[in-house]
Amino acid sequence: METLDPKAHVELACSTAEEFTKIYYENMDKKRLLMPKLYLDSAAVVWNGNGFSGKESIIKHLEDLPGSHHTVTTLDAQKVPESVTGNKLAYVIQVYGIVKYEIHREQKSFHQNFMIITDEDNKWKIASDCFRLQDAIQKS
């Protein structure tokens, strides 16, 4: 990858995050059968504290989830040093939003972190994914 100044890296990370999350949540909500294209074969996911390793296990879990509608409210991204990723371009993306599952009346806040990395075809793939529903803190 060509050398970019720090500001250009931030802008590229954020634009990539916006594009990637748009595709991810459109697929999750409307085209779940396309989700396997977004994960590395060796990907790891933690979904509300439950761990899944490998694309097959991850996709089985995602297919078992009820229908959903996600609304992203904020996101941020940063470049992962290439020394950590074997000289591949990678970003960590942090997403906050609201999700409504078909089986529940209420919507819930969520937080999701992705690490995406370019594969040998220069396409973005999820290496790591951590999803957590956010419950309000109960004050005593």
Protein backbone atom coordinates (compact mmCIF):
# COMPACT_ATOMS: atom_id res chain seq x y z
CA MET A 1 0.00 0.00 0.00
CA GLU A 2 1.26 3.47 -0.79
CA THR A 3 2.38 5.67 2.04
CA LEU A 4 -0.37 8.02 3.21
CA ASP A 5 -0.16 10.86 5.65
CA PRO A 6 -1.92 10.24 9.01
CA LYS A 7 -4.98 12.33 8.09
CA ALA A 8 -5.44 10.37 4.85
CA HIS A 9 -5.23 7.09 6.81
CA VAL A 10 -8.01 8.28 9.13
CA GLU A 11 -10.19 9.37 6.20
CA LEU A 12 -9.62 6.06 4.39
CA ALA A 13 -10.37 4.08 7.56
CA CYS A 14 -13.62 5.97 8.14
CA SER A 15 -14.84 5.75 4.53
CA THR A 16 -14.00 2.03 4.45
CA ALA A 17 -15.87 1.54 7.74
CA GLU A 18 -18.95 3.34 6.40
CA GLU A 19 -18.99 1.26 3.21
CA PHE A 20 -18.31 -2.03 4.99
CA THR A 21 -20.88 -1.58 7.76
CA LYS A 22 -23.54 -0.57 5.23
CA ILE A 23 -22.98 -3.86 3.39
CA TYR A 24 -22.74 -5.87 6.62
CA TYR A 25 -26.01 -4.66 8.16
CA GLU A 26 -27.92 -4.75 4.83
CA ASN A 27 -26.89 -8.38 4.47
CA MET A 28 -27.58 -9.19 8.12
CA ASP A 29 -31.08 -7.69 7.93
CA LYS A 30 -32.18 -8.56 4.39
CA LYS A 31 -29.76 -11.03 2.74
CA ARG A 32 -28.41 -13.20 5.51
CA LEU A 33 -27.48 -15.95 3.06
CA LEU A 34 -24.73 -13.64 1.75
CA MET A 35 -23.04 -13.33 5.16
CA PRO A 36 -20.45 -16.09 4.48
CA LYS A 37 -18.82 -13.83 1.88
CA LEU A 38 -17.92 -11.35 4.62
CA TYR A 39 -15.94 -13.68 6.94
CA LEU A 40 -12.51 -15.27 6.70
CA ASP A 41 -12.55 -19.07 7.00
CA SER A 42 -10.55 -18.64 10.23
CA ALA A 43 -12.68 -15.82 11.68
CA ALA A 44 -13.63 -15.63 15.35
CA VAL A 45 -16.84 -14.17 16.78
CA VAL A 46 -18.01 -13.41 20.30
CA TRP A 47 -21.77 -12.82 20.32
CA ASN A 48 -23.10 -11.68 23.68
CA GLY A 49 -20.43 -13.71 25.43
CA ASN A 50 -20.77 -16.84 23.26
CA GLY A 51 -17.71 -17.70 21.20
CA PHE A 52 -17.65 -19.15 17.68
CA SER A 53 -14.58 -20.07 15.63
CA GLY A 54 -14.46 -20.69 11.91
CA LYS A 55 -16.79 -19.46 9.21
CA GLU A 56 -19.09 -22.51 9.27
CA SER A 57 -19.81 -22.20 13.00
CA ILE A 58 -20.28 -18.42 12.74
CA ILE A 59 -22.70 -18.63 9.83
CA LYS A 60 -24.76 -21.33 11.55
CA HIS A 61 -25.11 -19.02 14.55
CA LEU A 62 -26.07 -16.00 12.42
CA GLU A 63 -28.65 -18.02 10.48
CA ASP A 64 -30.23 -19.14 13.78
CA LEU A 65 -30.76 -15.56 14.96
CA PRO A 66 -34.24 -14.06 14.49
CA GLY A 67 -34.87 -11.55 11.72
CA SER A 68 -33.47 -8.12 12.55
CA HIS A 69 -33.31 -4.47 11.63
CA HIS A 70 -30.15 -2.57 12.59
CA THR A 71 -29.73 1.20 12.70
CA VAL A 72 -26.16 2.44 13.04
CA THR A 73 -25.96 5.61 15.12
CA THR A 74 -22.17 6.07 15.33
CA LEU A 75 -19.05 4.37 14.08
CA ASP A 76 -15.33 4.87 14.19
CA ALA A 77 -12.36 3.12 12.65
CA GLN A 78 -8.61 2.99 12.91
CA LYS A 79 -5.85 1.34 10.96
CA VAL A 80 -4.17 -1.71 12.45
CA PRO A 81 -0.36 -1.54 12.09
CA GLU A 82 0.78 -3.72 9.22
CA SER A 83 3.47 -5.17 11.47
CA VAL A 84 0.61 -6.87 13.36
CA THR A 85 -1.24 -8.14 10.26
CA GLY A 86 1.60 -9.56 8.18
CA ASN A 87 1.75 -6.47 5.97
CA LYS A 88 -1.95 -6.65 5.08
CA LEU A 89 -4.21 -3.63 5.32
CA ALA A 90 -6.60 -3.98 8.28
CA TYR A 91 -8.96 -1.79 10.27
CA VAL A 92 -10.71 -2.04 13.61
CA ILE A 93 -14.27 -0.72 13.31
CA GLN A 94 -16.40 0.21 16.32
CA VAL A 95 -20.15 0.47 15.76
CA TYR A 96 -22.93 1.64 18.06
CA GLY A 97 -26.58 1.43 17.13
CA ILE A 98 -30.04 0.07 17.74
CA VAL A 99 -31.36 -3.35 16.74
CA LYS A 100 -34.93 -4.60 16.63
CA TYR A 101 -35.41 -8.37 16.48
CA GLU A 102 -38.64 -9.74 15.02
CA ILE A 103 -39.37 -11.80 18.13
CA HIS A 104 -39.07 -8.85 20.55
CA ARG A 105 -41.27 -5.81 20.99
CA GLU A 106 -38.58 -3.41 22.07
CA GLN A 107 -35.45 -2.33 20.31
CA LYS A 108 -32.10 -2.60 22.05
CA SER A 109 -28.85 -0.73 21.85
CA PHE A 110 -25.85 -2.67 20.60
CA HIS A 111 -22.10 -2.28 20.27
CA GLN A 112 -20.08 -4.22 17.71
CA ASN A 113 -16.34 -4.33 16.97
CA PHE A 114 -14.92 -5.73 13.76
CA MET A 115 -11.39 -6.28 12.62
CA ILE A 116 -11.46 -6.42 8.85
CA ILE A 117 -8.50 -7.35 6.70
CA THR A 118 -7.87 -7.58 2.99
CA ASP A 119 -7.74 -11.11 1.59
CA GLU A 120 -5.63 -12.34 -1.33
CA ASP A 121 -8.23 -10.88 -3.76
CA ASN A 122 -8.02 -7.47 -2.02
CA LYS A 123 -11.57 -7.84 -0.64
CA TRP A 124 -12.48 -6.96 2.92
CA LYS A 125 -13.13 -9.92 5.21
CA ILE A 126 -13.96 -10.07 8.90
CA ALA A 127 -11.17 -11.64 10.95
CA SER A 128 -12.73 -10.86 14.33
CA ASP A 129 -16.23 -9.76 15.36
CA CYS A 130 -17.54 -8.96 18.82
CA PHE A 131 -21.25 -8.12 19.26
CA ARG A 132 -22.87 -7.09 22.52
CA LEU A 133 -26.41 -5.98 23.32
CA GLN A 134 -26.31 -3.03 25.71
CA ASP A 135 -28.57 -3.03 28.76
CA ALA A 136 -29.07 0.06 30.89
CA ILE A 137 -27.18 0.07 34.18
CA GLN A 138 -29.51 -0.42 37.10
CA LYS A 139 -28.88 2.21 39.75
CA SER A 140 -29.30 1.14 43.35
